């Protein structure tokens, strides 16, 4: 969709370069292109990472509270 919406954009130009050089677009290359050129993908990854960190922090706090309750 991004390519259709902006056929002269940086993503389109990079795809044209890859294809004209005979490069096969693999899953790895497609993921790299998405990470580089599509900000929503980067934002999604950042949100997921922040959620993971928050979950870890909450688990730690929960353990500390449980330990404190058992030591009373």
PDB file of N, CA and C in Angstrom:
ATOM      1  N   UNK A   1       0.823  -1.197   0.000  1.00  0.00           N
ATOM      2  CA  UNK A   1       0.000   0.000   0.000  1.00  0.00           C
ATOM      3  C   UNK A   1       0.864   1.257   0.000  1.00  0.00           C
ATOM      4  N   UNK A   2       1.917   1.252   0.808  1.00  0.00           N
ATOM      5  CA  UNK A   2       2.800   2.413   0.904  1.00  0.00           C
ATOM      6  C   UNK A   2       3.413   2.723  -0.465  1.00  0.00           C
ATOM      7  N   UNK A   3       3.793   1.679  -1.166  1.00  0.00           N
ATOM      8  CA  UNK A   3       4.406   1.857  -2.481  1.00  0.00           C
ATOM      9  C   UNK A   3       3.420   2.470  -3.470  1.00  0.00           C
ATOM     10  N   UNK A   4       2.176   2.023  -3.424  1.00  0.00           N
ATOM     11  CA  UNK A   4       1.145   2.558  -4.317  1.00  0.00           C
ATOM     12  C   UNK A   4       0.836   4.010  -3.967  1.00  0.00           C
ATOM     13  N   UNK A   5       0.804   4.317  -2.684  1.00  0.00           N
ATOM     14  CA  UNK A   5       0.479   5.671  -2.238  1.00  0.00           C
ATOM     15  C   UNK A   5       1.581   6.667  -2.586  1.00  0.00           C
ATOM     16  N   UNK A   6       2.817   6.206  -2.657  1.00  0.00           N
ATOM     17  CA  UNK A   6       3.939   7.106  -2.949  1.00  0.00           C
ATOM     18  C   UNK A   6       4.915   6.419  -3.898  1.00  0.00           C
ATOM     19  N   UNK A   7       4.545   6.297  -5.179  1.00  0.00           N
ATOM     20  CA  UNK A   7       5.377   5.545  -6.128  1.00  0.00           C
ATOM     21  C   UNK A   7       6.732   6.180  -6.435  1.00  0.00           C
ATOM     22  N   UNK A   8       6.942   7.428  -6.006  1.00  0.00           N
ATOM     23  CA  UNK A   8       8.243   8.059  -6.223  1.00  0.00           C
ATOM     24  C   UNK A   8       8.997   8.248  -4.911  1.00  0.00           C
ATOM     25  N   UNK A   9       8.492   7.643  -3.840  1.00  0.00           N
ATOM     26  CA  UNK A   9       9.111   7.785  -2.523  1.00  0.00           C
ATOM     27  C   UNK A   9      10.367   6.940  -2.374  1.00  0.00           C
ATOM     28  N   UNK A  10      10.984   7.071  -1.229  1.00  0.00           N
ATOM     29  CA  UNK A  10      12.241   6.373  -0.961  1.00  0.00           C
ATOM     30  C   UNK A  10      12.094   4.856  -1.009  1.00  0.00           C
ATOM     31  N   UNK A  11      10.981   4.334  -0.488  1.00  0.00           N
ATOM     32  CA  UNK A  11      10.763   2.886  -0.524  1.00  0.00           C
ATOM     33  C   UNK A  11      10.646   2.406  -1.966  1.00  0.00           C
ATOM     34  N   UNK A  12       9.887   3.117  -2.786  1.00  0.00           N
ATOM     35  CA  UNK A  12       9.723   2.744  -4.186  1.00  0.00           C
ATOM     36  C   UNK A  12      11.067   2.782  -4.920  1.00  0.00           C
ATOM     37  N   UNK A  13      11.848   3.810  -4.658  1.00  0.00           N
ATOM     38  CA  UNK A  13      13.153   3.929  -5.308  1.00  0.00           C
ATOM     39  C   UNK A  13      14.089   2.795  -4.897  1.00  0.00           C
ATOM     40  N   UNK A  14      14.063   2.446  -3.627  1.00  0.00           N
ATOM     41  CA  UNK A  14      14.915   1.344  -3.155  1.00  0.00           C
ATOM     42  C   UNK A  14      14.470   0.017  -3.766  1.00  0.00           C
ATOM     43  N   UNK A  15      13.176  -0.213  -3.852  1.00  0.00           N
ATOM     44  CA  UNK A  15      12.680  -1.438  -4.486  1.00  0.00           C
ATOM     45  C   UNK A  15      13.074  -1.483  -5.962  1.00  0.00           C
ATOM     46  N   UNK A  16      12.953  -0.371  -6.645  1.00  0.00           N
ATOM     47  CA  UNK A  16      13.362  -0.319  -8.048  1.00  0.00           C
ATOM     48  C   UNK A  16      14.848  -0.626  -8.193  1.00  0.00           C
ATOM     49  N   UNK A  17      15.653  -0.077  -7.295  1.00  0.00           N
ATOM     50  CA  UNK A  17      17.106  -0.332  -7.333  1.00  0.00           C
ATOM     51  C   UNK A  17      17.386  -1.814  -7.129  1.00  0.00           C
ATOM     52  N   UNK A  18      16.754  -2.414  -6.112  1.00  0.00           N
ATOM     53  CA  UNK A  18      16.968  -3.832  -5.828  1.00  0.00           C
ATOM     54  C   UNK A  18      16.551  -4.709  -7.004  1.00  0.00           C
ATOM     55  N   UNK A  19      15.368  -4.436  -7.533  1.00  0.00           N
ATOM     56  CA  UNK A  19      14.849  -5.250  -8.627  1.00  0.00           C
ATOM     57  C   UNK A  19      15.669  -5.084  -9.904  1.00  0.00           C
ATOM     58  N   UNK A  20      16.099  -3.862 -10.196  1.00  0.00           N
ATOM     59  CA  UNK A  20      16.882  -3.642 -11.414  1.00  0.00           C
ATOM     60  C   UNK A  20      18.264  -4.272 -11.311  1.00  0.00           C
ATOM     61  N   UNK A  21      18.750  -4.466 -10.088  1.00  0.00           N
ATOM     62  CA  UNK A  21      20.053  -5.118  -9.916  1.00  0.00           C
ATOM     63  C   UNK A  21      19.915  -6.641  -9.910  1.00  0.00           C
ATOM     64  N   UNK A  22      18.682  -7.128 -10.032  1.00  0.00           N
ATOM     65  CA  UNK A  22      18.456  -8.577 -10.053  1.00  0.00           C
ATOM     66  C   UNK A  22      18.301  -9.187  -8.680  1.00  0.00           C
ATOM     67  N   UNK A  23      18.243  -8.359  -7.666  1.00  0.00           N
ATOM     68  CA  UNK A  23      18.103  -8.829  -6.281  1.00  0.00           C
ATOM     69  C   UNK A  23      16.737  -9.472  -6.083  1.00  0.00           C
ATOM     70  N   UNK A  24      16.731 -10.645  -5.460  1.00  0.00           N
ATOM     71  CA  UNK A  24      15.469 -11.287  -5.123  1.00  0.00           C
ATOM     72  C   UNK A  24      14.998 -10.736  -3.784  1.00  0.00           C
ATOM     73  N   UNK A  25      13.736 -10.353  -3.704  1.00  0.00           N
ATOM     74  CA  UNK A  25      13.196  -9.788  -2.466  1.00  0.00           C
ATOM     75  C   UNK A  25      12.785 -10.934  -1.549  1.00  0.00           C
ATOM     76  N   UNK A  26      13.625 -11.203  -0.572  1.00  0.00           N
ATOM     77  CA  UNK A  26      13.370 -12.267   0.395  1.00  0.00           C
ATOM     78  C   UNK A  26      12.595 -11.706   1.585  1.00  0.00           C
ATOM     79  N   UNK A  27      12.155 -12.581   2.462  1.00  0.00           N
ATOM     80  CA  UNK A  27      11.482 -12.131   3.685  1.00  0.00           C
ATOM     81  C   UNK A  27      12.407 -11.234   4.501  1.00  0.00           C
ATOM     82  N   UNK A  28      13.673 -11.589   4.569  1.00  0.00           N
ATOM     83  CA  UNK A  28      14.639 -10.790   5.323  1.00  0.00           C
ATOM     84  C   UNK A  28      14.750  -9.382   4.753  1.00  0.00           C
ATOM     85  N   UNK A  29      14.856  -9.281   3.427  1.00  0.00           N
ATOM     86  CA  UNK A  29      14.960  -7.966   2.781  1.00  0.00           C
ATOM     87  C   UNK A  29      13.672  -7.175   2.974  1.00  0.00           C
ATOM     88  N   UNK A  30      12.532  -7.842   2.844  1.00  0.00           N
ATOM     89  CA  UNK A  30      11.248  -7.155   3.027  1.00  0.00           C
ATOM     90  C   UNK A  30      11.126  -6.614   4.452  1.00  0.00           C
ATOM     91  N   UNK A  31      11.548  -7.401   5.435  1.00  0.00           N
ATOM     92  CA  UNK A  31      11.495  -6.949   6.835  1.00  0.00           C
ATOM     93  C   UNK A  31      12.427  -5.761   7.042  1.00  0.00           C
ATOM     94  N   UNK A  32      13.605  -5.818   6.450  1.00  0.00           N
ATOM     95  CA  UNK A  32      14.558  -4.715   6.558  1.00  0.00           C
ATOM     96  C   UNK A  32      14.002  -3.444   5.922  1.00  0.00           C
ATOM     97  N   UNK A  33      13.384  -3.589   4.764  1.00  0.00           N
ATOM     98  CA  UNK A  33      12.774  -2.433   4.099  1.00  0.00           C
ATOM     99  C   UNK A  33      11.658  -1.842   4.959  1.00  0.00           C
ATOM    100  N   UNK A  34      10.843  -2.703   5.536  1.00  0.00           N
ATOM    101  CA  UNK A  34       9.749  -2.227   6.388  1.00  0.00           C
ATOM    102  C   UNK A  34      10.295  -1.477   7.597  1.00  0.00           C
ATOM    103  N   UNK A  35      11.330  -2.037   8.240  1.00  0.00           N
ATOM    104  CA  UNK A  35      11.925  -1.381   9.405  1.00  0.00           C
ATOM    105  C   UNK A  35      12.521  -0.027   9.037  1.00  0.00           C
ATOM    106  N   UNK A  36      13.095   0.059   7.851  1.00  0.00           N
ATOM    107  CA  UNK A  36      13.759   1.289   7.422  1.00  0.00           C
ATOM    108  C   UNK A  36      12.785   2.354   6.952  1.00  0.00           C
ATOM    109  N   UNK A  37      11.779   1.946   6.188  1.00  0.00           N
ATOM    110  CA  UNK A  37      10.954   2.925   5.495  1.00  0.00           C
ATOM    111  C   UNK A  37       9.538   3.093   6.036  1.00  0.00           C
ATOM    112  N   UNK A  38       9.075   2.194   6.875  1.00  0.00           N
ATOM    113  CA  UNK A  38       7.696   2.289   7.348  1.00  0.00           C
ATOM    114  C   UNK A  38       7.680   2.579   8.844  1.00  0.00           C
ATOM    115  N   UNK A  39       7.398   3.808   9.217  1.00  0.00           N
ATOM    116  CA  UNK A  39       7.475   4.200  10.625  1.00  0.00           C
ATOM    117  C   UNK A  39       6.508   3.434  11.519  1.00  0.00           C
ATOM    118  N   UNK A  40       5.380   2.975  11.005  1.00  0.00           N
ATOM    119  CA  UNK A  40       4.433   2.240  11.840  1.00  0.00           C
ATOM    120  C   UNK A  40       5.047   0.946  12.351  1.00  0.00           C
ATOM    121  N   UNK A  41       5.858   0.308  11.541  1.00  0.00           N
ATOM    122  CA  UNK A  41       6.505  -0.931  11.962  1.00  0.00           C
ATOM    123  C   UNK A  41       7.462  -0.644  13.110  1.00  0.00           C
ATOM    124  N   UNK A  42       8.245   0.426  12.970  1.00  0.00           N
ATOM    125  CA  UNK A  42       9.174   0.796  14.046  1.00  0.00           C
ATOM    126  C   UNK A  42       8.402   1.150  15.304  1.00  0.00           C
ATOM    127  N   UNK A  43       7.321   1.896  15.168  1.00  0.00           N
ATOM    128  CA  UNK A  43       6.523   2.279  16.322  1.00  0.00           C
ATOM    129  C   UNK A  43       5.922   1.051  16.993  1.00  0.00           C
ATOM    130  N   UNK A  44       5.416   0.113  16.206  1.00  0.00           N
ATOM    131  CA  UNK A  44       4.846  -1.112  16.759  1.00  0.00           C
ATOM    132  C   UNK A  44       5.899  -1.866  17.573  1.00  0.00           C
ATOM    133  N   UNK A  45       7.108  -1.977  17.038  1.00  0.00           N
ATOM    134  CA  UNK A  45       8.182  -2.664  17.750  1.00  0.00           C
ATOM    135  C   UNK A  45       8.529  -1.944  19.052  1.00  0.00           C
ATOM    136  N   UNK A  46       8.561  -0.629  19.013  1.00  0.00           N
ATOM    137  CA  UNK A  46       8.871   0.141  20.215  1.00  0.00           C
ATOM    138  C   UNK A  46       7.784  -0.038  21.274  1.00  0.00           C
ATOM    139  N   UNK A  47       6.529  -0.044  20.848  1.00  0.00           N
ATOM    140  CA  UNK A  47       5.419  -0.238  21.777  1.00  0.00           C
ATOM    141  C   UNK A  47       5.488  -1.636  22.387  1.00  0.00           C
ATOM    142  N   UNK A  48       5.745  -2.648  21.540  1.00  0.00           N
ATOM    143  CA  UNK A  48       5.853  -4.020  22.035  1.00  0.00           C
ATOM    144  C   UNK A  48       6.987  -4.129  23.056  1.00  0.00           C
ATOM    145  N   UNK A  49       8.142  -3.536  22.753  1.00  0.00           N
ATOM    146  CA  UNK A  49       9.279  -3.591  23.664  1.00  0.00           C
ATOM    147  C   UNK A  49       8.965  -2.885  24.983  1.00  0.00           C
ATOM    148  N   UNK A  50       8.310  -1.742  24.901  1.00  0.00           N
ATOM    149  CA  UNK A  50       7.930  -1.022  26.118  1.00  0.00           C
ATOM    150  C   UNK A  50       6.947  -1.843  26.940  1.00  0.00           C
ATOM    151  N   UNK A  51       6.010  -2.511  26.279  1.00  0.00           N
ATOM    152  CA  UNK A  51       5.057  -3.375  26.977  1.00  0.00           C
ATOM    153  C   UNK A  51       5.754  -4.534  27.662  1.00  0.00           C
ATOM    154  N   UNK A  52       6.729  -5.124  26.994  1.00  0.00           N
ATOM    155  CA  UNK A  52       7.502  -6.216  27.592  1.00  0.00           C
ATOM    156  C   UNK A  52       8.253  -5.734  28.832  1.00  0.00           C
ATOM    157  N   UNK A  53       8.874  -4.576  28.741  1.00  0.00           N
ATOM    158  CA  UNK A  53       9.610  -4.026  29.880  1.00  0.00           C
ATOM    159  C   UNK A  53       8.671  -3.722  31.038  1.00  0.00           C
ATOM    160  N   UNK A  54       7.504  -3.162  30.725  1.00  0.00           N
ATOM    161  CA  UNK A  54       6.529  -2.853  31.762  1.00  0.00           C
ATOM    162  C   UNK A  54       6.053  -4.123  32.448  1.00  0.00           C
ATOM    163  N   UNK A  55       5.802  -5.165  31.670  1.00  0.00           N
ATOM    164  CA  UNK A  55       5.374  -6.444  32.250  1.00  0.00           C
ATOM    165  C   UNK A  55       6.430  -7.001  33.192  1.00  0.00           C
ATOM    166  N   UNK A  56       7.689  -6.902  32.804  1.00  0.00           N
ATOM    167  CA  UNK A  56       8.772  -7.381  33.659  1.00  0.00           C
ATOM    168  C   UNK A  56       8.846  -6.576  34.955  1.00  0.00           C
ATOM    169  N   UNK A  57       8.702  -5.264  34.839  1.00  0.00           N
ATOM    170  CA  UNK A  57       8.736  -4.414  36.030  1.00  0.00           C
ATOM    171  C   UNK A  57       7.571  -4.729  36.969  1.00  0.00           C
ATOM    172  N   UNK A  58       6.381  -4.912  36.398  1.00  0.00           N
ATOM    173  CA  UNK A  58       5.217  -5.242  37.223  1.00  0.00           C
ATOM    174  C   UNK A  58       5.389  -6.587  37.915  1.00  0.00           C
ATOM    175  N   UNK A  59       5.973  -7.548  37.234  1.00  0.00           N
ATOM    176  CA  UNK A  59       6.225  -8.855  37.847  1.00  0.00           C
ATOM    177  C   UNK A  59       7.210  -8.713  39.007  1.00  0.00           C
ATOM    178  N   UNK A  60       8.226  -7.892  38.827  1.00  0.00           N
ATOM    179  CA  UNK A  60       9.197  -7.653  39.902  1.00  0.00           C
ATOM    180  C   UNK A  60       8.538  -6.993  41.097  1.00  0.00           C
ATOM    181  N   UNK A  61       7.739  -5.973  40.852  1.00  0.00           N
ATOM    182  CA  UNK A  61       7.033  -5.280  41.939  1.00  0.00           C
ATOM    183  C   UNK A  61       6.099  -6.247  42.660  1.00  0.00           C
ATOM    184  N   UNK A  62       5.411  -7.065  41.927  1.00  0.00           N
ATOM    185  CA  UNK A  62       4.499  -8.041  42.522  1.00  0.00           C
ATOM    186  C   UNK A  62       5.260  -9.007  43.431  1.00  0.00           C
ATOM    187  N   UNK A  63       6.425  -9.481  42.975  1.00  0.00           N
ATOM    188  CA  UNK A  63       7.227 -10.391  43.811  1.00  0.00           C
ATOM    189  C   UNK A  63       7.704  -9.697  45.085  1.00  0.00           C
ATOM    190  N   UNK A  64       8.113  -8.440  44.951  1.00  0.00           N
ATOM    191  CA  UNK A  64       8.580  -7.686  46.126  1.00  0.00           C
ATOM    192  C   UNK A  64       7.446  -7.522  47.128  1.00  0.00           C
ATOM    193  N   UNK A  65       6.251  -7.202  46.646  1.00  0.00           N
ATOM    194  CA  UNK A  65       5.090  -7.047  47.537  1.00  0.00           C
ATOM    195  C   UNK A  65       4.764  -8.365  48.218  1.00  0.00           C
ATOM    196  N   UNK A  66       4.771  -9.458  47.466  1.00  0.00           N
ATOM    197  CA  UNK A  66       4.476 -10.767  48.050  1.00  0.00           C
ATOM    198  C   UNK A  66       5.508 -11.146  49.101  1.00  0.00           C
ATOM    199  N   UNK A  67       6.777 -10.876  48.820  1.00  0.00           N
ATOM    200  CA  UNK A  67       7.832 -11.160  49.787  1.00  0.00           C
ATOM    201  C   UNK A  67       7.642 -10.338  51.040  1.00  0.00           C
ATOM    202  N   UNK A  68       7.321  -9.069  50.896  1.00  0.00           N
ATOM    203  CA  UNK A  68       7.099  -8.188  52.045  1.00  0.00           C
ATOM    204  C   UNK A  68       5.914  -8.671  52.878  1.00  0.00           C
ATOM    205  N   UNK A  69       4.865  -9.136  52.236  1.00  0.00           N
ATOM    206  CA  UNK A  69       3.686  -9.626  52.954  1.00  0.00           C
ATOM    207  C   UNK A  69       4.011 -10.899  53.738  1.00  0.00           C
ATOM    208  N   UNK A  70       4.805 -11.770  53.160  1.00  0.00           N
ATOM    209  CA  UNK A  70       5.161 -13.018  53.831  1.00  0.00           C
ATOM    210  C   UNK A  70       6.131 -12.792  54.982  1.00  0.00           C
ATOM    211  N   UNK A  71       6.894 -11.718  54.942  1.00  0.00           N
ATOM    212  CA  UNK A  71       7.884 -11.427  55.994  1.00  0.00           C
ATOM    213  C   UNK A  71       7.305 -10.632  57.152  1.00  0.00           C
ATOM    214  N   UNK A  72       6.038 -10.277  57.078  1.00  0.00           N
ATOM    215  CA  UNK A  72       5.442  -9.483  58.177  1.00  0.00           C
ATOM    216  C   UNK A  72       5.104 -10.343  59.339  1.00  0.00           C
TER     217      UNK A  72
END
